[in-house]
Amino acid sequence: MNTPSEQPGKVRLDKWLWAARFFKTRSLAKAAIDGGKVHLEGKRVKVSREITAGDTLQIRQGWDEKVVTVLQLSDQRRGAAEAQLLYRETEDSIARREAQALARKAAGGMIDRPAQRPNKQQRRQIHRFKNTRD
C-alpha cells in the first residue's frame, strides 16, 4: 500500500476495485461497472470515475451485495490482508448478506434434483419437447 506521503488523492474506480481485491482483473472490474453492478453513493458510475476516501460503494457479486466505505486509496494490488485495510463493510450489509446466505442454504433442500442423469433416449425426448414448443 502507498505510504501516507505518496497516497494518491483520487483513484479510478476500476483500479481501486482491483487493488481492493473485489475482482481478479481490471477488465472484470470494468465489466461489472459497465454492467451496473457497482454504484457510488447510490448512483451508477463510469469506469473512469475517480473516488476518494469516505465514498460509499454498493458492489454486487453473484448473489451477494456489499455496501462498503472507502477508507484508503491505492492503485496497486497487494496481499489480501493489506487490501482489507482499504475498505470497511457496513454492519447492515454484513447482516443482510448472512441472512440471505442462510435463506439460500435453507431453500437448497427444496429443489428436487433427479436421481440420475437422463439417458440417451430421454435426452432426445427432452430436445424434441423443447424444440416443438417454440
N, C-alpha and C. Protein backbone atom coordinates (compact mmCIF):
# COMPACT_ATOMS: atom_id res chain seq x y z
N MET A 1 0.84 -1.17 0.00
CA MET A 1 0.00 0.00 0.00
C MET A 1 0.89 1.24 0.00
N ASN A 2 0.38 2.30 -0.53
CA ASN A 2 1.15 3.54 -0.58
C ASN A 2 1.30 4.10 0.82
N THR A 3 2.43 4.73 1.06
CA THR A 3 2.61 5.40 2.34
C THR A 3 1.80 6.68 2.33
N PRO A 4 1.48 7.24 3.50
CA PRO A 4 0.64 8.44 3.52
C PRO A 4 1.18 9.59 2.69
N SER A 5 2.50 9.72 2.60
CA SER A 5 3.05 10.84 1.84
C SER A 5 2.85 10.66 0.34
N GLU A 6 2.78 9.40 -0.13
CA GLU A 6 2.62 9.17 -1.55
C GLU A 6 1.24 8.62 -1.90
N GLN A 7 0.32 8.61 -0.94
CA GLN A 7 -1.02 8.12 -1.20
C GLN A 7 -1.73 9.07 -2.15
N PRO A 8 -2.32 8.54 -3.22
CA PRO A 8 -2.98 9.42 -4.18
C PRO A 8 -4.24 10.04 -3.59
N GLY A 9 -4.61 11.23 -4.08
CA GLY A 9 -5.81 11.91 -3.62
C GLY A 9 -7.06 11.31 -4.23
N LYS A 10 -6.95 10.83 -5.46
CA LYS A 10 -8.06 10.21 -6.16
C LYS A 10 -7.54 9.02 -6.96
N VAL A 11 -8.37 8.00 -7.09
CA VAL A 11 -8.01 6.81 -7.86
C VAL A 11 -9.20 6.41 -8.71
N ARG A 12 -8.93 5.92 -9.91
CA ARG A 12 -10.01 5.42 -10.77
C ARG A 12 -10.73 4.28 -10.08
N LEU A 13 -12.02 4.21 -10.26
CA LEU A 13 -12.84 3.21 -9.59
C LEU A 13 -12.43 1.79 -9.96
N ASP A 14 -12.17 1.53 -11.24
CA ASP A 14 -11.79 0.17 -11.64
C ASP A 14 -10.46 -0.25 -11.03
N LYS A 15 -9.51 0.68 -10.93
CA LYS A 15 -8.22 0.37 -10.32
C LYS A 15 -8.37 0.07 -8.84
N TRP A 16 -9.21 0.85 -8.14
CA TRP A 16 -9.39 0.64 -6.71
C TRP A 16 -10.07 -0.70 -6.44
N LEU A 17 -11.10 -1.05 -7.22
CA LEU A 17 -11.79 -2.33 -7.04
C LEU A 17 -10.83 -3.50 -7.25
N TRP A 18 -9.93 -3.35 -8.21
CA TRP A 18 -8.94 -4.38 -8.48
C TRP A 18 -7.92 -4.44 -7.35
N ALA A 19 -7.45 -3.28 -6.88
CA ALA A 19 -6.47 -3.23 -5.79
C ALA A 19 -7.06 -3.74 -4.48
N ALA A 20 -8.36 -3.50 -4.26
CA ALA A 20 -9.02 -3.95 -3.03
C ALA A 20 -9.46 -5.42 -3.13
N ARG A 21 -9.14 -6.06 -4.24
CA ARG A 21 -9.38 -7.49 -4.47
C ARG A 21 -10.85 -7.88 -4.52
N PHE A 22 -11.68 -6.99 -5.04
CA PHE A 22 -13.07 -7.37 -5.29
C PHE A 22 -13.16 -8.14 -6.61
N PHE A 23 -12.23 -7.86 -7.53
CA PHE A 23 -12.19 -8.54 -8.82
C PHE A 23 -10.75 -8.94 -9.13
N LYS A 24 -10.59 -10.08 -9.85
CA LYS A 24 -9.26 -10.59 -10.15
C LYS A 24 -8.50 -9.74 -11.15
N THR A 25 -9.23 -9.14 -12.08
CA THR A 25 -8.58 -8.32 -13.11
C THR A 25 -9.32 -6.99 -13.24
N ARG A 26 -8.63 -6.03 -13.81
CA ARG A 26 -9.26 -4.73 -14.05
C ARG A 26 -10.36 -4.85 -15.09
N SER A 27 -10.19 -5.76 -16.04
CA SER A 27 -11.23 -5.92 -17.06
C SER A 27 -12.51 -6.49 -16.46
N LEU A 28 -12.41 -7.36 -15.46
CA LEU A 28 -13.60 -7.85 -14.76
C LEU A 28 -14.25 -6.72 -13.96
N ALA A 29 -13.43 -5.88 -13.35
CA ALA A 29 -13.96 -4.73 -12.62
C ALA A 29 -14.67 -3.78 -13.59
N LYS A 30 -14.07 -3.56 -14.74
CA LYS A 30 -14.67 -2.69 -15.76
C LYS A 30 -16.01 -3.26 -16.23
N ALA A 31 -16.05 -4.56 -16.47
CA ALA A 31 -17.29 -5.19 -16.93
C ALA A 31 -18.39 -5.08 -15.87
N ALA A 32 -18.02 -5.21 -14.59
CA ALA A 32 -19.01 -5.09 -13.51
C ALA A 32 -19.54 -3.67 -13.43
N ILE A 33 -18.67 -2.69 -13.58
CA ILE A 33 -19.10 -1.29 -13.52
C ILE A 33 -20.00 -0.98 -14.71
N ASP A 34 -19.58 -1.40 -15.91
CA ASP A 34 -20.38 -1.16 -17.11
C ASP A 34 -21.73 -1.87 -17.03
N GLY A 35 -21.76 -3.02 -16.36
CA GLY A 35 -22.99 -3.79 -16.24
C GLY A 35 -23.91 -3.30 -15.14
N GLY A 36 -23.53 -2.24 -14.45
CA GLY A 36 -24.39 -1.68 -13.41
C GLY A 36 -24.32 -2.42 -12.08
N LYS A 37 -23.26 -3.18 -11.86
CA LYS A 37 -23.11 -3.95 -10.63
C LYS A 37 -22.41 -3.15 -9.53
N VAL A 38 -21.89 -1.98 -9.88
CA VAL A 38 -21.20 -1.13 -8.91
C VAL A 38 -21.84 0.25 -8.93
N HIS A 39 -22.22 0.73 -7.74
CA HIS A 39 -22.83 2.04 -7.61
C HIS A 39 -22.05 2.86 -6.59
N LEU A 40 -21.88 4.12 -6.86
CA LEU A 40 -21.19 5.04 -5.96
C LEU A 40 -22.22 5.99 -5.39
N GLU A 41 -22.36 5.99 -4.08
CA GLU A 41 -23.35 6.84 -3.40
C GLU A 41 -24.75 6.62 -3.96
N GLY A 42 -25.06 5.36 -4.34
CA GLY A 42 -26.39 5.02 -4.84
C GLY A 42 -26.63 5.31 -6.30
N LYS A 43 -25.61 5.80 -7.02
CA LYS A 43 -25.77 6.14 -8.43
C LYS A 43 -24.84 5.29 -9.29
N ARG A 44 -25.30 4.98 -10.47
CA ARG A 44 -24.49 4.24 -11.43
C ARG A 44 -23.36 5.14 -11.91
N VAL A 45 -22.16 4.58 -12.07
CA VAL A 45 -21.00 5.39 -12.44
C VAL A 45 -20.27 4.79 -13.63
N LYS A 46 -19.33 5.56 -14.14
CA LYS A 46 -18.48 5.10 -15.23
C LYS A 46 -17.18 4.54 -14.66
N VAL A 47 -16.47 3.79 -15.49
CA VAL A 47 -15.23 3.14 -15.09
C VAL A 47 -14.18 4.16 -14.67
N SER A 48 -14.09 5.25 -15.37
CA SER A 48 -13.04 6.23 -15.13
C SER A 48 -13.34 7.17 -13.96
N ARG A 49 -14.45 6.99 -13.30
CA ARG A 49 -14.82 7.86 -12.17
C ARG A 49 -13.76 7.76 -11.08
N GLU A 50 -13.32 8.89 -10.58
CA GLU A 50 -12.32 8.90 -9.52
C GLU A 50 -13.02 8.92 -8.18
N ILE A 51 -12.55 8.08 -7.27
CA ILE A 51 -13.15 8.01 -5.94
C ILE A 51 -12.18 8.58 -4.92
N THR A 52 -12.71 8.96 -3.78
CA THR A 52 -11.90 9.49 -2.69
C THR A 52 -12.26 8.73 -1.42
N ALA A 53 -11.43 8.88 -0.39
CA ALA A 53 -11.70 8.25 0.88
C ALA A 53 -13.01 8.80 1.45
N GLY A 54 -13.83 7.90 1.99
CA GLY A 54 -15.11 8.30 2.55
C GLY A 54 -16.29 8.00 1.64
N ASP A 55 -16.03 7.66 0.37
CA ASP A 55 -17.11 7.32 -0.55
C ASP A 55 -17.75 5.99 -0.17
N THR A 56 -19.02 5.82 -0.50
CA THR A 56 -19.75 4.58 -0.23
C THR A 56 -20.04 3.88 -1.54
N LEU A 57 -19.68 2.61 -1.62
CA LEU A 57 -19.89 1.81 -2.82
C LEU A 57 -20.83 0.66 -2.54
N GLN A 58 -21.73 0.37 -3.48
CA GLN A 58 -22.54 -0.84 -3.45
C GLN A 58 -22.02 -1.74 -4.55
N ILE A 59 -21.56 -2.93 -4.17
CA ILE A 59 -20.94 -3.85 -5.12
C ILE A 59 -21.71 -5.16 -5.11
N ARG A 60 -22.24 -5.55 -6.27
CA ARG A 60 -22.96 -6.82 -6.39
C ARG A 60 -22.03 -7.83 -7.04
N GLN A 61 -21.83 -8.96 -6.33
CA GLN A 61 -21.01 -10.04 -6.85
C GLN A 61 -21.79 -11.34 -6.69
N GLY A 62 -22.27 -11.87 -7.80
CA GLY A 62 -23.07 -13.08 -7.73
C GLY A 62 -24.35 -12.83 -6.96
N TRP A 63 -24.58 -13.61 -5.91
CA TRP A 63 -25.78 -13.46 -5.08
C TRP A 63 -25.62 -12.34 -4.07
N ASP A 64 -24.39 -11.99 -3.75
CA ASP A 64 -24.12 -11.06 -2.65
C ASP A 64 -24.05 -9.61 -3.12
N GLU A 65 -24.53 -8.73 -2.25
CA GLU A 65 -24.37 -7.30 -2.47
C GLU A 65 -23.73 -6.71 -1.23
N LYS A 66 -22.58 -6.08 -1.42
CA LYS A 66 -21.83 -5.49 -0.31
C LYS A 66 -21.92 -3.98 -0.38
N VAL A 67 -22.06 -3.37 0.78
CA VAL A 67 -22.01 -1.92 0.89
C VAL A 67 -20.75 -1.61 1.69
N VAL A 68 -19.80 -0.95 1.04
CA VAL A 68 -18.51 -0.68 1.68
C VAL A 68 -18.21 0.82 1.67
N THR A 69 -17.45 1.22 2.67
CA THR A 69 -16.97 2.60 2.76
C THR A 69 -15.48 2.59 2.45
N VAL A 70 -15.06 3.45 1.56
CA VAL A 70 -13.65 3.54 1.18
C VAL A 70 -12.89 4.22 2.31
N LEU A 71 -11.89 3.53 2.86
CA LEU A 71 -11.08 4.10 3.94
C LEU A 71 -9.78 4.69 3.41
N GLN A 72 -9.13 3.94 2.50
CA GLN A 72 -7.86 4.39 1.93
C GLN A 72 -7.88 4.14 0.43
N LEU A 73 -6.99 4.82 -0.25
CA LEU A 73 -6.88 4.66 -1.70
C LEU A 73 -5.58 3.96 -2.05
N SER A 74 -5.66 3.16 -3.07
CA SER A 74 -4.46 2.52 -3.60
C SER A 74 -4.74 2.11 -5.03
N ASP A 75 -3.73 2.22 -5.88
CA ASP A 75 -3.87 1.77 -7.25
C ASP A 75 -2.94 0.58 -7.52
N GLN A 76 -2.39 0.02 -6.43
CA GLN A 76 -1.51 -1.14 -6.56
C GLN A 76 -2.14 -2.32 -5.83
N ARG A 77 -2.12 -3.47 -6.48
CA ARG A 77 -2.68 -4.68 -5.89
C ARG A 77 -1.65 -5.30 -4.96
N ARG A 78 -2.05 -5.52 -3.72
CA ARG A 78 -1.16 -6.11 -2.71
C ARG A 78 -1.83 -7.36 -2.15
N GLY A 79 -1.32 -7.84 -1.03
CA GLY A 79 -1.87 -9.02 -0.38
C GLY A 79 -3.28 -8.78 0.14
N ALA A 80 -3.98 -9.86 0.41
CA ALA A 80 -5.37 -9.76 0.86
C ALA A 80 -5.48 -9.02 2.20
N ALA A 81 -4.54 -9.23 3.09
CA ALA A 81 -4.59 -8.57 4.39
C ALA A 81 -4.47 -7.05 4.23
N GLU A 82 -3.61 -6.60 3.33
CA GLU A 82 -3.46 -5.17 3.08
C GLU A 82 -4.66 -4.61 2.32
N ALA A 83 -5.24 -5.42 1.44
CA ALA A 83 -6.39 -4.97 0.66
C ALA A 83 -7.60 -4.72 1.56
N GLN A 84 -7.75 -5.50 2.61
CA GLN A 84 -8.89 -5.33 3.52
C GLN A 84 -8.80 -4.04 4.32
N LEU A 85 -7.62 -3.44 4.37
CA LEU A 85 -7.46 -2.17 5.07
C LEU A 85 -7.97 -0.99 4.24
N LEU A 86 -8.25 -1.24 2.97
CA LEU A 86 -8.70 -0.16 2.07
C LEU A 86 -10.18 0.18 2.26
N TYR A 87 -10.95 -0.74 2.84
CA TYR A 87 -12.38 -0.51 2.95
C TYR A 87 -12.94 -1.13 4.23
N ARG A 88 -14.18 -0.75 4.56
CA ARG A 88 -14.90 -1.36 5.68
C ARG A 88 -16.33 -1.60 5.22
N GLU A 89 -16.78 -2.85 5.37
CA GLU A 89 -18.15 -3.18 5.02
C GLU A 89 -19.08 -2.77 6.15
N THR A 90 -20.23 -2.21 5.83
CA THR A 90 -21.15 -1.74 6.86
C THR A 90 -21.77 -2.93 7.60
N GLU A 91 -22.15 -2.70 8.85
CA GLU A 91 -22.75 -3.75 9.68
C GLU A 91 -24.06 -4.24 9.06
N ASP A 92 -24.84 -3.31 8.54
CA ASP A 92 -26.11 -3.67 7.92
C ASP A 92 -25.89 -4.59 6.72
N SER A 93 -24.87 -4.31 5.94
CA SER A 93 -24.54 -5.11 4.76
C SER A 93 -24.13 -6.52 5.16
N ILE A 94 -23.31 -6.63 6.20
CA ILE A 94 -22.87 -7.95 6.68
C ILE A 94 -24.06 -8.77 7.15
N ALA A 95 -24.94 -8.15 7.95
CA ALA A 95 -26.11 -8.85 8.47
C ALA A 95 -27.03 -9.30 7.34
N ARG A 96 -27.24 -8.43 6.34
CA ARG A 96 -28.11 -8.77 5.22
C ARG A 96 -27.54 -9.93 4.40
N ARG A 97 -26.23 -9.89 4.14
CA ARG A 97 -25.60 -10.98 3.38
C ARG A 97 -25.70 -12.31 4.11
N GLU A 98 -25.47 -12.30 5.43
CA GLU A 98 -25.56 -13.54 6.22
C GLU A 98 -26.98 -14.09 6.22
N ALA A 99 -27.98 -13.21 6.35
CA ALA A 99 -29.38 -13.65 6.34
C ALA A 99 -29.75 -14.26 4.98
N GLN A 100 -29.29 -13.63 3.90
CA GLN A 100 -29.58 -14.15 2.57
C GLN A 100 -28.89 -15.48 2.33
N ALA A 101 -27.67 -15.63 2.84
CA ALA A 101 -26.95 -16.89 2.69
C ALA A 101 -27.68 -18.01 3.42
N LEU A 102 -28.18 -17.73 4.63
CA LEU A 102 -28.94 -18.73 5.37
C LEU A 102 -30.23 -19.10 4.64
N ALA A 103 -30.90 -18.12 4.06
CA ALA A 103 -32.13 -18.38 3.32
C ALA A 103 -31.84 -19.25 2.09
N ARG A 104 -30.75 -18.94 1.38
CA ARG A 104 -30.38 -19.76 0.21
C ARG A 104 -30.05 -21.18 0.62
N LYS A 105 -29.35 -21.32 1.74
CA LYS A 105 -28.98 -22.65 2.22
C LYS A 105 -30.21 -23.44 2.61
N ALA A 106 -31.16 -22.79 3.27
CA ALA A 106 -32.38 -23.46 3.69
C ALA A 106 -33.23 -23.85 2.48
N ALA A 107 -33.27 -23.00 1.46
CA ALA A 107 -34.06 -23.28 0.27
C ALA A 107 -33.40 -24.33 -0.62
N GLY A 108 -32.13 -24.59 -0.41
CA GLY A 108 -31.42 -25.57 -1.23
C GLY A 108 -32.01 -26.95 -1.13
N GLY A 109 -32.57 -27.29 0.01
CA GLY A 109 -33.18 -28.60 0.18
C GLY A 109 -34.53 -28.72 -0.51
N MET A 110 -35.11 -27.60 -0.91
CA MET A 110 -36.43 -27.60 -1.55
C MET A 110 -36.35 -27.96 -3.03
N ILE A 111 -35.20 -27.87 -3.62
CA ILE A 111 -35.05 -28.12 -5.05
C ILE A 111 -34.96 -29.62 -5.29
N ASP A 112 -35.88 -30.12 -6.11
CA ASP A 112 -35.85 -31.54 -6.45
C ASP A 112 -34.84 -31.76 -7.57
N ARG A 113 -33.94 -32.63 -7.33
CA ARG A 113 -32.97 -32.99 -8.35
C ARG A 113 -33.22 -34.42 -8.77
N PRO A 114 -33.05 -34.70 -10.04
CA PRO A 114 -33.28 -36.08 -10.48
C PRO A 114 -32.27 -37.03 -9.83
N ALA A 115 -32.69 -38.26 -9.64
CA ALA A 115 -31.82 -39.26 -9.01
C ALA A 115 -30.65 -39.61 -9.91
N GLN A 116 -30.87 -39.50 -11.23
CA GLN A 116 -29.78 -39.82 -12.17
C GLN A 116 -29.90 -38.93 -13.39
N ARG A 117 -28.83 -38.90 -14.17
CA ARG A 117 -28.85 -38.11 -15.40
C ARG A 117 -29.71 -38.82 -16.44
N PRO A 118 -30.32 -38.04 -17.35
CA PRO A 118 -31.13 -38.70 -18.39
C PRO A 118 -30.25 -39.51 -19.34
N ASN A 119 -30.79 -40.64 -19.78
CA ASN A 119 -30.03 -41.44 -20.75
C ASN A 119 -30.25 -40.87 -22.14
N LYS A 120 -29.70 -41.53 -23.14
CA LYS A 120 -29.73 -41.00 -24.50
C LYS A 120 -31.17 -40.84 -25.01
N GLN A 121 -31.99 -41.82 -24.76
CA GLN A 121 -33.38 -41.76 -25.21
C GLN A 121 -34.12 -40.61 -24.52
N GLN A 122 -33.93 -40.45 -23.24
CA GLN A 122 -34.60 -39.38 -22.51
C GLN A 122 -34.12 -38.01 -22.97
N ARG A 123 -32.82 -37.88 -23.27
CA ARG A 123 -32.30 -36.60 -23.76
C ARG A 123 -32.95 -36.24 -25.09
N ARG A 124 -33.10 -37.23 -25.97
CA ARG A 124 -33.75 -36.97 -27.26
C ARG A 124 -35.19 -36.52 -27.06
N GLN A 125 -35.88 -37.14 -26.12
CA GLN A 125 -37.25 -36.73 -25.83
C GLN A 125 -37.30 -35.31 -25.30
N ILE A 126 -36.36 -34.95 -24.46
CA ILE A 126 -36.29 -33.59 -23.91
C ILE A 126 -36.05 -32.58 -25.02
N HIS A 127 -35.10 -32.90 -25.92
CA HIS A 127 -34.80 -31.99 -27.04
C HIS A 127 -36.01 -31.84 -27.95
N ARG A 128 -36.70 -32.97 -28.25
CA ARG A 128 -37.89 -32.89 -29.09
C ARG A 128 -38.96 -32.03 -28.45
N PHE A 129 -39.15 -32.20 -27.15
CA PHE A 129 -40.15 -31.44 -26.43
C PHE A 129 -39.84 -29.94 -26.46
N LYS A 130 -38.57 -29.59 -26.20
CA LYS A 130 -38.19 -28.19 -26.19
C LYS A 130 -38.30 -27.56 -27.56
N ASN A 131 -37.94 -28.29 -28.62
CA ASN A 131 -37.97 -27.73 -29.97
C ASN A 131 -39.37 -27.59 -30.52
N THR A 132 -40.32 -28.43 -30.07
CA THR A 132 -41.69 -28.33 -30.60
C THR A 132 -42.46 -27.22 -29.93
N ARG A 133 -42.02 -26.76 -28.78
CA ARG A 133 -42.74 -25.69 -28.07
C ARG A 133 -42.47 -24.33 -28.66
N ASP A 134 -41.41 -24.14 -29.42
CA ASP A 134 -41.06 -22.83 -29.96
C ASP A 134 -41.98 -22.37 -31.00
